[in-house]
Protein backbone atom coordinates (compact mmCIF):
# COMPACT_ATOMS: atom_id res chain seq x y z
CA MET A 1 -7.66 14.25 12.64
CA SER A 2 -5.58 14.00 9.48
CA VAL A 3 -2.02 12.74 9.26
CA SER A 4 -0.65 16.20 8.52
CA ASN A 5 -2.13 17.49 11.79
CA ARG A 6 -0.37 14.77 13.80
CA VAL A 7 3.05 15.46 12.29
CA PRO A 8 5.13 18.12 14.05
CA ASP A 9 5.52 21.37 12.15
CA THR A 10 9.29 20.94 11.91
CA LEU A 11 8.85 17.70 9.93
CA LYS A 12 6.22 18.92 7.46
CA GLY A 13 8.75 20.60 5.17
CA PRO A 14 11.11 17.63 4.87
CA LEU A 15 8.21 15.18 4.46
CA GLY A 16 6.76 17.36 1.72
CA ALA A 17 10.13 17.43 -0.05
CA VAL A 18 10.52 13.64 0.23
CA SER A 19 6.99 13.15 -1.07
CA LEU A 20 7.76 15.44 -4.01
CA GLY A 21 10.90 13.43 -4.75
CA VAL A 22 8.93 10.17 -4.61
CA MET A 23 6.43 11.65 -7.03
CA ILE A 24 9.05 12.79 -9.53
CA VAL A 25 11.03 9.54 -9.43
CA GLY A 26 7.89 7.40 -9.53
CA LEU A 27 6.43 9.20 -12.53
CA VAL A 28 9.69 9.27 -14.48
CA VAL A 29 10.55 5.61 -13.87
CA GLY A 30 6.92 4.60 -14.41
CA TYR A 31 6.76 6.44 -17.72
CA ILE A 32 9.99 4.83 -18.91
CA PHE A 33 8.91 1.32 -17.91
CA THR A 34 5.43 1.73 -19.36
CA ILE A 35 6.65 2.99 -22.73
CA LEU A 36 9.39 0.34 -22.85
CA GLY A 37 6.85 -2.38 -22.03
CA ILE A 38 4.46 -1.17 -24.71
CA THR A 39 7.23 -1.20 -27.31
CA LEU A 40 8.17 -4.71 -26.20
CA VAL A 41 4.59 -5.93 -26.47
CA LEU A 42 4.22 -4.47 -29.97
CA ASN A 43 7.72 -5.62 -31.05
CA LEU A 44 8.70 -2.07 -32.03
CA ASN A 45 12.30 -2.37 -30.89
CA GLY A 46 15.07 -4.73 -31.95
CA ILE A 47 15.13 -6.78 -28.76
CA GLU A 48 14.31 -10.42 -29.44
CA GLY A 49 13.61 -13.29 -27.10
CA ILE A 50 11.26 -11.48 -24.72
CA SER A 51 7.85 -13.08 -24.30
CA ASP A 52 4.55 -11.24 -24.02
CA VAL A 53 4.31 -12.18 -20.33
CA GLU A 54 7.66 -10.53 -19.63
CA SER A 55 6.62 -7.48 -21.66
CA LEU A 56 3.38 -7.15 -19.74
CA THR A 57 5.36 -7.51 -16.51
CA VAL A 58 7.38 -4.45 -17.52
CA VAL A 59 4.15 -2.57 -18.28
CA GLY A 60 2.75 -3.60 -14.89
CA ALA A 61 5.90 -2.41 -13.12
CA GLY A 62 5.57 0.90 -14.94
CA VAL A 63 1.96 1.32 -13.90
CA ALA A 64 2.88 0.43 -10.31
CA CYS A 65 5.59 3.12 -10.33
CA ILE A 66 3.08 5.65 -11.64
CA VAL A 67 0.71 4.73 -8.80
CA VAL A 68 3.55 5.25 -6.30
CA GLY A 69 4.19 8.63 -7.93
CA TYR A 70 0.52 9.51 -7.49
CA PHE A 71 0.68 8.69 -3.80
CA GLY A 72 3.84 10.81 -3.59
CA TRP A 73 1.85 13.69 -5.07
CA LYS A 74 -0.95 13.15 -2.58
CA GLY A 75 1.61 13.11 0.24
CA PHE A 76 3.15 16.32 -1.02
CA MET A 77 -0.22 18.03 -1.17
CA GLY A 78 -0.99 16.82 2.34
CA PHE A 79 2.24 18.00 3.93
CA ALA A 80 2.99 21.11 1.90
CA TYR A 81 -0.21 22.95 2.78
């Protein structure tokens, strides 16, 4: 029995909307952090004093946000249909 079958029908719509919101926010924030981290690693911006470890931490946070966005998408697909 899947999770969407155990959730009452009245909650499937709001859970699908929340999952869609998590997906959108996760992908947007993840994209921003990932691109910012890559530019920090390659020294493409004018910010000085940031080490490679800190830059890779920003990239890792971006990838983690993208993964959260993916799970938001999976949640949306599970509750919307």
